[in-house]
């Protein structure tokens, strides 16, 4: 068996030709991390199994219906809906100008390098929703201690009430308020609606299948007073966002109506009715949209709202004048399921803001993020791409940006399946390069729980950004809702994307964890050795010998299809994979879940 070789090289990915920027693009170097496999090793396969993931989704309380060939509608336990397209993408060949590209194999990252950057501080019995909205953290009563808004009840289907947790005695987060209406499930949005300097919260209400707004009665008081019910028929409201988009001093809202046909809607608050009134509605012709990245991206002093769709379209909605909006640009994303989005103020330092769109190609096992920048009025082009290989997710797929290390420049935060990946820009103006700031794959203390989109916030009051990581666990008809607070521990270096191991180290690791039908085992040896690779169960009994062979120094990969020495399928459980070379033994743990 030959070793895996790692190489950096120049590659070309393509986008529509633009006269404004073609000269700069042709001069750009492209930064890519790739795995080059020798002919005797089969390339790693896409680990996403559609049928298994759909069955797991249903077992966890969701509902699935087939819309058309390999296009499914997923209704999550909290009532949110999203359409996923599992067809091979038709847009992959729309690019013909090179852009800076970074390709990362998630499963080749040595997460032990980053384990000391964020460490477990405490468990909090609260989280927020199931799918598209991270928990809200803020200090609305202005007492210097942050609050967390969400729910902790384990009922199924999910029920409330929404509660507010706050850091109290011994710095432990405990409930300080529970909303009186048990039909309040989770917080969908938070923002200043009435223009009095205090934020209101928009809570999803199970009975109305819509939202209820609560406000503060005075400065420094939690938003616990009922304000109004937000009505919109047919009330499948996603991505609620508040802001003054037309800059007229009155609060607007933007949201997605995920019913059929789907719509993008912008409304303005009317004091005379104490509610919002629609000023813009755009039907997306059978597509399911997801929004919003918001900023003045083309720097014309008018705000834009960016939306991606399940069919791979990107729409920029621009405010033209007071309460007047139009679609100013429509681009084609090279993948279906373009639901992830974020904005960055000027991540590469060239003086222009950017927006990001992320989509998933399930047949190829690729998750792709593209960075867009304005070139003139009403026109945008791709200037950077980040691709993650061999990882997709139906449940957790979320992109956000935040200045984690407080250096004035945002980092990209990716929540995808049971993976957290934080990337730091390390390039120069118009030259996009990224390295790993933090990576976490799975939680060993909760092997059957699933990550949900995280919230970055200073939770312990030390002026460093921590991570509030919510979990969802569903077992035996019961759901469990909780979060971990991962505390940031000072300054830890940024890791290079070159994941080539130290030549002096032997190691063994497997992915994914947990796995369902096959585990991919990577190992490395530093010198020529007789190698034994064995599998043991949780009681220490040898289950199978995968390899006994003299090997040269290098990296290797083996596929294990969860059978014992006699070809019998193994039951769910914890297994240990042991690498022995001479007197050196390295072991890694993996989990089989069927």
Protein backbone atom coordinates (compact mmCIF):
# COMPACT_ATOMS: atom_id res chain seq x y z
CA UNK A 1 0.00 0.00 0.00
CA UNK A 2 1.51 3.32 -1.05
CA UNK A 3 1.46 6.51 0.99
CA UNK A 4 -0.76 9.56 0.58
CA UNK A 5 1.19 12.52 -0.75
CA UNK A 6 0.38 16.16 0.05
CA UNK A 7 1.15 18.93 -2.42
CA UNK A 8 0.35 22.58 -2.94
CA UNK A 9 -0.18 23.64 -6.54
CA UNK A 10 -1.75 26.28 -8.73
CA UNK A 11 -5.24 25.43 -10.01
CA UNK A 12 -7.95 27.27 -11.91
CA UNK A 13 -11.58 27.51 -10.91
CA UNK A 14 -13.83 29.54 -13.10
CA UNK A 15 -16.41 32.31 -13.05
CA UNK A 16 -17.99 34.49 -15.77
CA UNK A 17 -15.47 36.79 -17.47
CA UNK A 18 -15.46 40.34 -16.13
CA UNK A 19 -13.66 43.11 -17.99
CA UNK A 20 -13.30 45.11 -14.74
CA UNK A 21 -11.16 42.53 -12.99
CA UNK A 22 -9.77 40.03 -15.47
CA UNK A 23 -6.24 41.44 -15.37
CA UNK A 24 -6.09 41.25 -11.57
CA UNK A 25 -7.59 37.75 -11.59
CA UNK A 26 -5.07 36.38 -14.05
CA UNK A 27 -2.23 37.56 -11.81
CA UNK A 28 -3.62 35.95 -8.67
CA UNK A 29 -2.09 32.86 -7.11
CA UNK A 30 -4.52 30.19 -6.04
CA UNK A 31 -3.99 28.58 -2.66
CA UNK A 32 -5.24 25.01 -2.56
CA UNK A 33 -4.68 22.11 -0.16
CA UNK A 34 -5.22 18.83 -1.96
CA UNK A 35 -4.63 15.13 -1.38
CA UNK A 36 -2.82 13.39 -4.25
CA UNK A 37 -3.36 9.66 -3.98
CA UNK A 38 -1.05 7.09 -5.54
CA UNK A 39 -2.61 4.58 -7.92
CA UNK A 40 -2.65 1.77 -5.36
CA UNK A 41 -4.91 3.69 -2.97
CA UNK A 42 -8.56 4.43 -3.71
CA UNK A 43 -9.51 8.09 -3.19
CA UNK A 44 -11.73 8.76 -0.21
CA UNK A 45 -15.40 8.40 -1.05
CA UNK A 46 -18.25 10.75 -0.32
CA UNK A 47 -19.38 9.80 3.20
CA UNK A 48 -22.90 11.23 2.85
CA UNK A 49 -25.53 8.50 2.55
CA UNK A 50 -28.83 10.05 1.47
CA UNK A 51 -31.10 7.17 2.48
CA UNK A 52 -29.45 6.80 5.88
CA UNK A 53 -29.58 10.54 6.58
CA UNK A 54 -33.26 10.76 5.60
CA UNK A 55 -34.11 7.81 7.85
CA UNK A 56 -32.16 9.38 10.72
CA UNK A 57 -33.97 12.67 10.15
CA UNK A 58 -37.35 10.92 10.43
CA UNK A 59 -36.31 8.99 13.52
CA UNK A 60 -35.30 12.28 15.14
CA UNK A 61 -38.82 13.63 14.74
CA UNK A 62 -38.70 15.27 11.30
CA UNK A 63 -40.95 14.73 8.29
CA UNK A 64 -39.84 14.21 4.69
CA UNK A 65 -41.81 14.37 1.44
CA UNK A 66 -40.65 13.86 -2.16
CA UNK A 67 -41.30 16.90 -4.38
CA UNK A 68 -39.67 15.73 -7.61
CA UNK A 69 -36.83 13.47 -8.69
CA UNK A 70 -34.30 13.50 -5.83
CA UNK A 71 -35.74 16.76 -4.44
CA UNK A 72 -37.21 16.49 -0.94
CA UNK A 73 -38.95 18.81 1.49
CA UNK A 74 -37.75 18.45 5.09
CA UNK A 75 -39.92 19.64 7.97
CA UNK A 76 -37.87 19.92 11.15
CA UNK A 77 -39.18 19.12 14.65
CA UNK A 78 -39.60 22.84 15.37
CA UNK A 79 -41.81 23.33 12.30
CA UNK A 80 -39.22 24.99 10.05
CA UNK A 81 -39.08 23.68 6.50
CA UNK A 82 -36.38 23.49 3.84
CA UNK A 83 -36.07 21.84 0.42
CA UNK A 84 -32.89 19.90 -0.44
CA UNK A 85 -31.84 18.91 -3.94
CA UNK A 86 -29.79 15.70 -4.14
CA UNK A 87 -29.25 15.80 -7.90
CA UNK A 88 -25.81 16.29 -9.39
CA UNK A 89 -25.36 19.99 -9.81
CA UNK A 90 -25.91 21.53 -13.23
CA UNK A 91 -24.04 24.77 -12.50
CA UNK A 92 -20.52 23.46 -11.94
CA UNK A 93 -19.22 24.61 -15.34
CA UNK A 94 -20.28 28.25 -15.18
CA UNK A 95 -16.81 29.49 -14.15
CA UNK A 96 -14.05 30.45 -16.59
CA UNK A 97 -11.84 32.92 -14.73
CA UNK A 98 -9.42 31.80 -11.95
CA UNK A 99 -10.12 32.78 -8.33
CA UNK A 100 -8.28 32.19 -5.07
CA UNK A 101 -9.37 28.77 -3.85
CA UNK A 102 -8.76 26.87 -0.64
CA UNK A 103 -9.73 23.19 -0.48
CA UNK A 104 -9.86 21.46 2.89
CA UNK A 105 -10.36 17.81 3.74
CA UNK A 106 -12.00 18.16 7.14
CA UNK A 107 -11.03 14.67 8.20
CA UNK A 108 -7.31 15.32 7.73
CA UNK A 109 -7.30 18.09 10.37
CA UNK A 110 -5.52 17.21 13.60
CA UNK A 111 -8.00 18.74 16.05
CA UNK A 112 -5.69 18.09 19.02
CA UNK A 113 -3.72 21.16 17.91
CA UNK A 114 -6.70 23.35 18.81
CA UNK A 115 -8.12 21.61 21.88
CA UNK A 116 -6.58 24.11 24.29
CA UNK A 117 -7.93 27.18 22.51
CA UNK A 118 -11.53 26.65 23.65
CA UNK A 119 -12.13 24.40 26.67
CA UNK A 120 -15.27 23.24 28.42
CA UNK A 121 -16.45 25.67 31.11
CA UNK A 122 -19.99 24.63 31.97
CA UNK A 123 -23.11 22.94 30.69
CA UNK A 124 -26.23 25.08 30.37
CA UNK A 125 -29.66 23.44 30.22
CA UNK A 126 -30.89 25.63 27.39
CA UNK A 127 -30.69 25.95 23.61
CA UNK A 128 -32.68 27.71 20.88
CA UNK A 129 -34.65 25.92 18.18
CA UNK A 130 -33.36 23.04 16.10
CA UNK A 131 -32.19 24.26 12.75
CA UNK A 132 -31.44 27.68 11.38
CA UNK A 133 -31.10 30.05 14.37
CA UNK A 134 -28.21 30.03 16.88
CA UNK A 135 -29.05 30.96 20.49
CA UNK A 136 -29.37 34.68 21.20
CA UNK A 137 -26.97 36.14 23.76
CA UNK A 138 -27.23 39.75 24.94
CA UNK A 139 -27.20 41.93 28.05
CA UNK A 140 -30.62 43.51 27.70
CA UNK A 141 -31.02 44.41 31.37
CA UNK A 142 -27.59 46.10 31.30
CA UNK A 143 -26.26 44.54 34.49
CA UNK A 144 -22.95 43.50 32.94
CA UNK A 145 -23.94 39.82 32.73
CA UNK A 146 -25.08 38.25 29.46
CA UNK A 147 -28.39 36.46 29.10
CA UNK A 148 -29.09 33.37 26.97
CA UNK A 149 -32.54 33.08 25.39
CA UNK A 150 -33.99 29.66 24.56
CA UNK A 151 -35.70 26.63 26.07
CA UNK A 152 -34.63 23.45 27.83
CA UNK A 153 -37.72 21.28 27.95
CA UNK A 154 -37.37 17.77 26.59
CA UNK A 155 -40.95 17.36 25.40
CA UNK A 156 -41.64 16.08 21.90
CA UNK A 157 -43.01 17.67 19.79
CA UNK A 158 -41.06 20.63 21.16
CA UNK A 159 -42.77 22.87 23.66
CA UNK A 160 -41.79 25.84 25.78
CA UNK A 161 -41.89 28.12 27.42
CA UNK A 162 -38.93 30.18 26.32
CA UNK A 163 -36.70 31.02 29.26
CA UNK A 164 -33.94 33.51 30.00
CA UNK A 165 -30.76 32.25 31.65
CA UNK A 166 -28.20 34.57 33.23
CA UNK A 167 -24.81 34.14 34.87
CA UNK A 168 -25.31 34.24 38.63
CA UNK A 169 -23.68 32.97 41.82
CA UNK A 170 -20.32 31.24 41.21
CA UNK A 171 -20.66 32.28 37.54
CA UNK A 172 -23.22 29.53 36.93
CA UNK A 173 -25.95 30.17 34.33
CA UNK A 174 -29.44 29.59 35.72
CA UNK A 175 -32.99 30.49 34.71
CA UNK A 176 -34.04 33.99 35.80
CA UNK A 177 -37.33 34.17 33.88
CA UNK A 178 -39.77 31.84 32.09
CA UNK A 179 -42.36 33.30 29.72
CA UNK A 180 -45.91 32.57 30.95
CA UNK A 181 -47.09 31.13 27.64
CA UNK A 182 -45.88 27.53 27.30
CA UNK A 183 -46.56 27.65 23.53
CA UNK A 184 -43.53 29.95 23.05
CA UNK A 185 -40.91 27.60 21.63
CA UNK A 186 -37.78 29.55 20.70
CA UNK A 187 -36.50 33.02 19.82
CA UNK A 188 -36.35 33.76 16.07
CA UNK A 189 -35.12 37.35 16.13
CA UNK A 190 -34.00 40.16 18.38
CA UNK A 191 -33.81 43.87 17.56
CA UNK A 192 -34.97 47.39 18.29
CA UNK A 193 -38.50 47.73 16.92
CA UNK A 194 -40.03 50.74 18.69
CA UNK A 195 -37.03 53.06 18.34
CA UNK A 196 -36.66 53.68 22.08
CA UNK A 197 -33.19 52.21 22.44
CA UNK A 198 -34.38 48.88 23.84
CA UNK A 199 -34.43 45.58 21.97
CA UNK A 200 -37.54 43.49 21.53
CA UNK A 201 -37.59 39.72 20.96
CA UNK A 202 -39.62 37.79 18.38
CA UNK A 203 -40.58 34.35 19.71
CA UNK A 204 -41.98 31.51 17.64
CA UNK A 205 -45.39 30.49 18.95
CA UNK A 206 -46.55 26.92 18.40
CA UNK A 207 -50.29 27.64 18.49
CA UNK A 208 -50.16 30.57 16.05
CA UNK A 209 -47.41 28.97 13.93
CA UNK A 210 -46.15 32.52 13.76
CA UNK A 211 -44.48 34.89 16.21
CA UNK A 212 -45.13 36.87 19.36
CA UNK A 213 -43.15 40.02 20.21
CA UNK A 214 -42.18 40.89 23.78
CA UNK A 215 -40.75 44.24 24.89
CA UNK A 216 -39.13 45.96 27.86
CA UNK A 217 -41.20 48.43 29.87
CA UNK A 218 -38.20 50.60 30.66
CA UNK A 219 -34.44 50.88 30.21
CA UNK A 220 -32.47 48.06 31.75
CA UNK A 221 -35.42 45.68 32.07
CA UNK A 222 -35.69 42.27 30.41
CA UNK A 223 -38.18 42.05 27.48
CA UNK A 224 -40.95 40.24 29.32
CA UNK A 225 -44.04 42.34 28.47
CA UNK A 226 -46.33 41.11 25.69
CA UNK A 227 -46.32 43.55 22.77
CA UNK A 228 -48.06 42.12 19.68
CA UNK A 229 -48.62 39.02 17.56
CA UNK A 230 -46.88 39.06 14.19
CA UNK A 231 -49.31 37.71 11.61
CA UNK A 232 -48.40 36.61 8.13
CA UNK A 233 -50.34 33.98 6.24
CA UNK A 234 -49.56 31.12 5.76
CA UNK A 235 -47.06 31.72 8.57
CA UNK A 236 -44.08 29.56 7.60
CA UNK A 237 -41.64 32.30 8.57
CA UNK A 238 -37.87 31.74 8.39
CA UNK A 239 -34.85 34.03 8.81
CA UNK A 240 -36.65 36.91 10.54
CA UNK A 241 -34.30 39.91 10.66
CA UNK A 242 -34.79 43.44 12.03
CA UNK A 243 -33.05 46.63 10.88
CA UNK A 244 -33.54 50.03 9.26
CA UNK A 245 -32.86 48.91 5.70
CA UNK A 246 -34.02 52.09 3.97
CA UNK A 247 -32.36 54.29 6.64
CA UNK A 248 -35.49 56.38 7.33
CA UNK A 249 -35.35 55.98 11.11
CA UNK A 250 -38.15 53.37 11.25
CA UNK A 251 -37.54 49.68 11.91
CA UNK A 252 -37.99 47.24 9.04
CA UNK A 253 -38.15 43.47 9.07
CA UNK A 254 -37.12 40.94 6.42
CA UNK A 255 -38.07 37.30 6.36
CA UNK A 256 -38.65 34.29 4.13
CA UNK A 257 -42.06 32.73 3.71
CA UNK A 258 -41.12 29.06 3.27
CA UNK A 259 -44.59 27.93 2.18
CA UNK A 260 -45.52 27.26 -1.46
CA UNK A 261 -44.81 29.40 -3.39
CA UNK A 262 -41.90 30.73 -1.34
CA UNK A 263 -41.46 34.48 -0.98
CA UNK A 264 -38.96 37.07 0.22
CA UNK A 265 -40.74 39.76 2.22
CA UNK A 266 -39.71 43.13 3.66
CA UNK A 267 -42.01 45.06 5.99
CA UNK A 268 -41.93 48.33 7.92
CA UNK A 269 -43.21 48.89 11.47
CA UNK A 270 -46.37 51.02 11.72
CA UNK A 271 -47.00 52.64 15.08
CA UNK A 272 -50.69 53.18 14.32
CA UNK A 273 -51.30 49.42 14.10
CA UNK A 274 -48.41 48.38 16.39
CA UNK A 275 -47.29 45.86 13.81
CA UNK A 276 -45.42 45.48 10.53
CA UNK A 277 -46.85 46.16 7.10
CA UNK A 278 -45.44 44.61 3.92
CA UNK A 279 -43.62 46.95 1.49
CA UNK A 280 -41.85 44.37 -0.72
CA UNK A 281 -42.73 40.81 -1.74
CA UNK A 282 -40.85 38.68 -4.23
CA UNK A 283 -41.95 35.18 -5.19
CA UNK A 284 -38.99 32.93 -5.99
CA UNK A 285 -40.72 30.71 -8.58
CA UNK A 286 -40.67 27.41 -6.74
CA UNK A 287 -37.25 27.93 -5.16
CA UNK A 288 -36.74 27.90 -1.41
CA UNK A 289 -34.76 31.01 -0.39
CA UNK A 290 -32.64 31.63 2.68
CA UNK A 291 -31.60 35.09 3.88
CA UNK A 292 -29.99 37.45 4.76
CA UNK A 293 -26.50 38.92 4.42
CA UNK A 294 -27.02 42.67 4.83
CA UNK A 295 -24.74 45.64 4.14
CA UNK A 296 -24.01 48.37 1.59
CA UNK A 297 -22.00 45.94 -0.51
CA UNK A 298 -21.66 48.17 -3.59
CA UNK A 299 -20.94 51.27 -1.43
CA UNK A 300 -23.61 53.49 -2.98
CA UNK A 301 -25.06 54.41 0.45
CA UNK A 302 -28.02 52.08 -0.16
CA UNK A 303 -28.43 48.82 1.75
CA UNK A 304 -28.54 45.43 0.04
CA UNK A 305 -30.08 42.20 1.33
CA UNK A 306 -28.61 39.00 -0.11
CA UNK A 307 -30.46 35.71 -0.44
CA UNK A 308 -29.41 32.25 -1.65
CA UNK A 309 -31.78 29.53 -2.82
CA UNK A 310 -32.05 25.77 -2.98
CA UNK A 311 -31.79 25.84 -6.77
CA UNK A 312 -28.46 27.68 -6.65
CA UNK A 313 -29.53 31.25 -7.35
CA UNK A 314 -28.20 34.31 -5.54
CA UNK A 315 -30.35 37.43 -5.34
CA UNK A 316 -29.24 40.89 -4.24
CA UNK A 317 -32.21 43.05 -3.19
CA UNK A 318 -31.29 46.74 -3.06
CA UNK A 319 -33.10 49.56 -1.34
CA UNK A 320 -33.67 52.31 -3.94
CA UNK A 321 -35.59 54.82 -1.81
CA UNK A 322 -37.85 54.91 1.22
CA UNK A 323 -39.85 51.65 1.35
CA UNK A 324 -38.86 50.80 -2.23
CA UNK A 325 -36.75 47.71 -3.04
CA UNK A 326 -35.75 45.90 -6.23
CA UNK A 327 -33.65 42.90 -7.21
CA UNK A 328 -30.48 44.54 -8.50
CA UNK A 329 -28.46 41.39 -9.27
CA UNK A 330 -29.06 37.69 -9.83
CA UNK A 331 -26.11 35.31 -9.90
CA UNK A 332 -25.77 31.54 -10.39
CA UNK A 333 -24.12 29.63 -7.56
CA UNK A 334 -22.27 26.52 -8.80
CA UNK A 335 -24.14 24.20 -6.41
CA UNK A 336 -27.68 23.53 -5.29
CA UNK A 337 -28.74 24.07 -1.67
CA UNK A 338 -27.15 27.54 -1.42
CA UNK A 339 -28.65 28.27 1.99
CA UNK A 340 -25.64 29.54 3.95
CA UNK A 341 -24.73 33.23 3.91
CA UNK A 342 -22.68 35.82 5.80
CA UNK A 343 -21.22 39.27 5.36
CA UNK A 344 -17.71 40.52 6.07
CA UNK A 345 -16.81 44.18 6.39
CA UNK A 346 -13.53 43.98 4.45
CA UNK A 347 -11.88 40.68 5.20
CA UNK A 348 -8.98 41.07 2.75
CA UNK A 349 -8.27 44.77 3.43
CA UNK A 350 -8.86 46.02 -0.11
CA UNK A 351 -11.38 48.62 1.07
CA UNK A 352 -14.58 46.84 -0.05
CA UNK A 353 -17.10 44.75 1.93
CA UNK A 354 -17.99 41.21 0.90
CA UNK A 355 -20.82 38.71 1.16
CA UNK A 356 -20.49 34.94 1.27
CA UNK A 357 -22.80 32.20 -0.01
CA UNK A 358 -22.43 28.53 0.88
CA UNK A 359 -24.03 25.50 -0.79
CA UNK A 360 -23.82 21.72 -0.74
CA UNK A 361 -23.30 19.18 -3.50
CA UNK A 362 -24.49 15.96 -1.87
CA UNK A 363 -23.58 13.54 -4.72
CA UNK A 364 -19.95 14.75 -4.70
CA UNK A 365 -19.69 15.30 -0.93
CA UNK A 366 -18.61 18.94 -1.32
CA UNK A 367 -19.62 22.00 0.68
CA UNK A 368 -18.55 25.20 -1.05
CA UNK A 369 -18.39 28.83 0.08
CA UNK A 370 -17.91 31.75 -2.32
CA UNK A 371 -16.90 35.31 -1.47
CA UNK A 372 -18.53 38.02 -3.62
CA UNK A 373 -17.51 41.64 -4.08
CA UNK A 374 -19.07 44.50 -6.03
CA UNK A 375 -17.55 45.59 -9.36
CA UNK A 376 -19.37 48.77 -10.25
CA UNK A 377 -23.07 49.39 -9.72
CA UNK A 378 -25.39 46.39 -9.56
CA UNK A 379 -22.71 43.86 -10.44
CA UNK A 380 -20.83 41.33 -8.32
CA UNK A 381 -18.13 38.78 -8.97
CA UNK A 382 -16.55 35.88 -7.10
CA UNK A 383 -13.11 36.61 -5.74
CA UNK A 384 -12.50 33.61 -3.43
CA UNK A 385 -13.69 30.05 -2.88
CA UNK A 386 -13.41 27.72 0.11
CA UNK A 387 -14.34 24.08 -0.41
CA UNK A 388 -14.80 21.45 2.29
CA UNK A 389 -14.46 17.88 1.08
CA UNK A 390 -16.36 14.80 2.25
CA UNK A 391 -18.80 16.59 4.52
CA UNK A 392 -22.46 17.56 4.06
CA UNK A 393 -25.36 17.96 6.46
CA UNK A 394 -29.15 18.21 6.34
CA UNK A 395 -29.46 19.51 9.89
CA UNK A 396 -26.65 21.87 10.85
CA UNK A 397 -25.34 24.00 7.98
CA UNK A 398 -24.60 27.56 9.05
CA UNK A 399 -22.05 30.27 8.20
CA UNK A 400 -21.31 33.41 10.19
CA UNK A 401 -18.49 35.89 10.74
CA UNK A 402 -17.07 37.33 13.96
CA UNK A 403 -13.82 38.90 15.11
CA UNK A 404 -12.93 36.05 17.46
CA UNK A 405 -9.37 37.11 18.33
CA UNK A 406 -10.16 40.85 18.63
CA UNK A 407 -7.63 41.96 16.00
CA UNK A 408 -10.11 44.02 14.00
CA UNK A 409 -10.59 41.39 11.29
CA UNK A 410 -13.44 38.89 11.17
CA UNK A 411 -13.02 35.13 11.10
CA UNK A 412 -15.35 32.78 9.20
CA UNK A 413 -17.26 30.40 11.47
CA UNK A 414 -18.65 27.24 9.87
CA UNK A 415 -21.09 24.98 11.71
CA UNK A 416 -21.59 21.86 9.58
CA UNK A 417 -22.84 18.51 10.90
CA UNK A 418 -20.80 17.73 14.02
CA UNK A 419 -17.94 19.98 12.94
CA UNK A 420 -16.92 23.49 13.99
CA UNK A 421 -14.36 25.14 11.72
CA UNK A 422 -13.12 28.70 12.24
CA UNK A 423 -10.94 30.08 9.45
CA UNK A 424 -8.67 33.11 9.67
CA UNK A 425 -7.73 35.27 6.71
CA UNK A 426 -3.93 35.23 6.32
CA UNK A 427 -3.55 36.68 2.83
CA UNK A 428 -3.26 40.23 1.55
CA UNK A 429 -5.53 42.66 -0.35
CA UNK A 430 -7.15 40.81 -3.28
CA UNK A 431 -5.19 37.68 -2.36
CA UNK A 432 -7.35 35.31 -0.32
CA UNK A 433 -5.58 32.73 1.84
CA UNK A 434 -6.99 31.10 4.96
CA UNK A 435 -5.62 29.07 7.84
CA UNK A 436 -7.32 27.25 10.67
CA UNK A 437 -8.03 29.23 13.82
CA UNK A 438 -10.04 26.47 15.49
CA UNK A 439 -11.42 23.04 14.61
CA UNK A 440 -13.60 20.67 16.58
CA UNK A 441 -15.03 17.37 15.32
CA UNK A 442 -17.64 15.76 17.57
CA UNK A 443 -18.00 15.81 21.33
CA UNK A 444 -16.62 12.74 23.09
CA UNK A 445 -18.74 13.29 26.22
CA UNK A 446 -21.96 13.28 24.15
CA UNK A 447 -21.31 10.86 21.27
CA UNK A 448 -24.98 10.59 20.22
CA UNK A 449 -25.75 14.32 20.39
CA UNK A 450 -25.66 16.54 17.30
CA UNK A 451 -24.15 20.01 17.07
CA UNK A 452 -26.37 22.95 16.20
CA UNK A 453 -25.28 26.42 15.00
CA UNK A 454 -23.10 28.05 17.64
CA UNK A 455 -23.16 31.54 19.13
CA UNK A 456 -19.86 33.41 19.64
CA UNK A 457 -20.09 35.74 22.67
CA UNK A 458 -18.20 36.80 25.79
CA UNK A 459 -20.00 34.60 28.30
CA UNK A 460 -17.58 34.69 31.22
CA UNK A 461 -16.89 38.45 31.24
CA UNK A 462 -13.15 38.34 30.44
CA UNK A 463 -13.48 40.33 27.17
CA UNK A 464 -12.65 37.27 25.05
CA UNK A 465 -15.14 35.67 22.68
CA UNK A 466 -16.34 32.27 23.88
CA UNK A 467 -18.51 29.66 22.15
CA UNK A 468 -22.02 28.68 23.15
CA UNK A 469 -22.45 25.30 21.46
CA UNK A 470 -26.01 23.90 21.52
CA UNK A 471 -26.77 20.19 21.18
CA UNK A 472 -29.76 18.18 20.08
CA UNK A 473 -30.16 14.59 21.21
CA UNK A 474 -33.14 12.37 20.47
CA UNK A 475 -33.33 8.93 22.06
CA UNK A 476 -36.24 6.56 22.64
CA UNK A 477 -38.83 9.16 21.66
CA UNK A 478 -37.35 11.79 23.97
CA UNK A 479 -35.49 14.96 22.98
CA UNK A 480 -32.74 16.48 25.11
CA UNK A 481 -31.77 20.14 24.80
CA UNK A 482 -28.65 21.69 26.29
CA UNK A 483 -25.53 23.67 25.44
CA UNK A 484 -21.85 23.67 26.34
CA UNK A 485 -19.96 26.88 26.97
CA UNK A 486 -16.45 26.58 25.53
CA UNK A 487 -14.25 29.21 27.12
CA UNK A 488 -11.50 30.89 25.08
CA UNK A 489 -8.11 30.52 26.71
CA UNK A 490 -5.86 33.38 25.69
CA UNK A 491 -3.85 33.42 22.48
CA UNK A 492 -3.15 30.18 20.66
CA UNK A 493 -1.46 30.17 17.27
CA UNK A 494 -3.23 29.74 13.94
CA UNK A 495 -2.67 26.34 12.35
CA UNK A 496 -1.50 25.99 8.78
CA UNK A 497 -3.83 24.20 6.37
CA UNK A 498 -0.92 21.95 5.45
CA UNK A 499 -1.95 18.99 7.58
CA UNK A 500 1.08 16.89 6.70
CA UNK A 501 2.17 15.12 9.92
CA UNK A 502 5.45 15.66 11.65
CA UNK A 503 7.91 13.14 10.23
CA UNK A 504 8.90 12.08 13.75
CA UNK A 505 5.31 11.13 14.70
CA UNK A 506 3.27 7.98 14.30
CA UNK A 507 -0.48 8.40 14.50
CA UNK A 508 -3.78 6.70 13.75
CA UNK A 509 -7.20 8.34 13.33
CA UNK A 510 -10.56 7.47 11.81
CA UNK A 511 -13.51 9.35 10.37
CA UNK A 512 -16.34 10.03 10.46
CA UNK A 513 -17.09 9.71 14.18
CA UNK A 514 -19.67 8.36 14.73
CA UNK A 515 -19.99 6.28 11.53
CA UNK A 516 -22.72 4.07 10.14
CA UNK A 517 -21.40 1.55 7.63
CA UNK A 518 -17.73 2.16 6.88
CA UNK A 519 -14.87 3.87 8.66
CA UNK A 520 -11.90 5.42 6.87
CA UNK A 521 -8.71 4.87 8.88
CA UNK A 522 -5.66 7.05 8.31
CA UNK A 523 -2.29 6.29 9.90
CA UNK A 524 1.30 7.38 9.54
CA UNK A 525 4.66 5.85 10.43
CA UNK A 526 7.96 7.73 10.69
CA UNK A 527 10.33 4.93 9.65
CA UNK A 528 10.25 1.56 7.93
CA UNK A 529 8.46 -0.84 10.28
CA UNK A 530 6.42 -4.00 10.56
CA UNK A 531 2.94 -2.58 11.14
CA UNK A 532 -0.04 -4.15 12.89
CA UNK A 533 -3.43 -2.45 12.64
CA UNK A 534 -6.12 -4.07 14.78
CA UNK A 535 -9.68 -3.37 15.96
CA UNK A 536 -10.87 -4.05 19.52
CA UNK A 537 -14.29 -3.77 21.13
CA UNK A 538 -15.04 -1.80 24.31
CA UNK A 539 -14.13 -4.85 26.46
CA UNK A 540 -10.67 -5.08 24.92
CA UNK A 541 -11.43 -8.16 22.79
CA UNK A 542 -9.67 -8.27 19.44
CA UNK A 543 -12.27 -8.07 16.67
CA UNK A 544 -10.25 -7.92 13.49
CA UNK A 545 -6.75 -7.53 12.10
CA UNK A 546 -6.81 -5.00 9.31
CA UNK A 547 -3.12 -5.06 8.42
CA UNK A 548 0.10 -6.94 9.25
CA UNK A 549 2.78 -5.81 6.86
CA UNK A 550 6.21 -4.22 6.47
CA UNK A 551 5.71 -0.62 5.33
CA UNK A 552 7.88 2.31 4.31
CA UNK A 553 7.61 5.71 6.09
CA UNK A 554 4.56 7.73 5.12
CA UNK A 555 0.82 8.07 5.39
CA UNK A 556 -1.73 5.36 4.61
CA UNK A 557 -5.48 4.89 4.38
CA UNK A 558 -7.62 1.77 4.91
CA UNK A 559 -11.40 1.32 4.69
CA UNK A 560 -13.04 -0.85 7.37
CA UNK A 561 -16.55 -2.05 6.61
CA UNK A 562 -17.49 -2.89 10.25
CA UNK A 563 -17.16 -6.66 9.99
CA UNK A 564 -15.21 -9.02 12.22
CA UNK A 565 -12.62 -11.60 11.14
CA UNK A 566 -15.42 -13.92 9.96
CA UNK A 567 -17.23 -11.32 7.86
CA UNK A 568 -20.06 -10.84 10.34
CA UNK A 569 -21.57 -7.37 10.74
CA UNK A 570 -20.79 -5.77 14.08
CA UNK A 571 -23.33 -4.19 16.44
CA UNK A 572 -23.43 -0.51 17.41
CA UNK A 573 -20.92 0.43 20.08
CA UNK A 574 -17.49 1.84 20.88
CA UNK A 575 -14.46 0.36 19.11
CA UNK A 576 -10.73 1.02 19.40
CA UNK A 577 -8.28 0.98 16.50
CA UNK A 578 -4.70 0.19 17.46
CA UNK A 579 -1.55 0.90 15.45
CA UNK A 580 1.57 -0.99 16.58
CA UNK A 581 5.06 -0.43 15.16
CA UNK A 582 7.78 -2.12 17.18
CA UNK A 583 7.32 -0.99 20.79
CA UNK A 584 5.17 2.03 19.85
CA UNK A 585 1.36 1.69 20.11
CA UNK A 586 -1.09 4.41 19.06
CA UNK A 587 -4.83 4.03 19.63
CA UNK A 588 -7.93 5.95 18.56
CA UNK A 589 -11.58 5.51 19.55
CA UNK A 590 -14.49 5.39 17.14
CA UNK A 591 -18.25 4.86 17.48
CA UNK A 592 -20.51 2.70 15.29
CA UNK A 593 -24.13 3.89 15.19
CA UNK A 594 -26.67 2.03 13.05
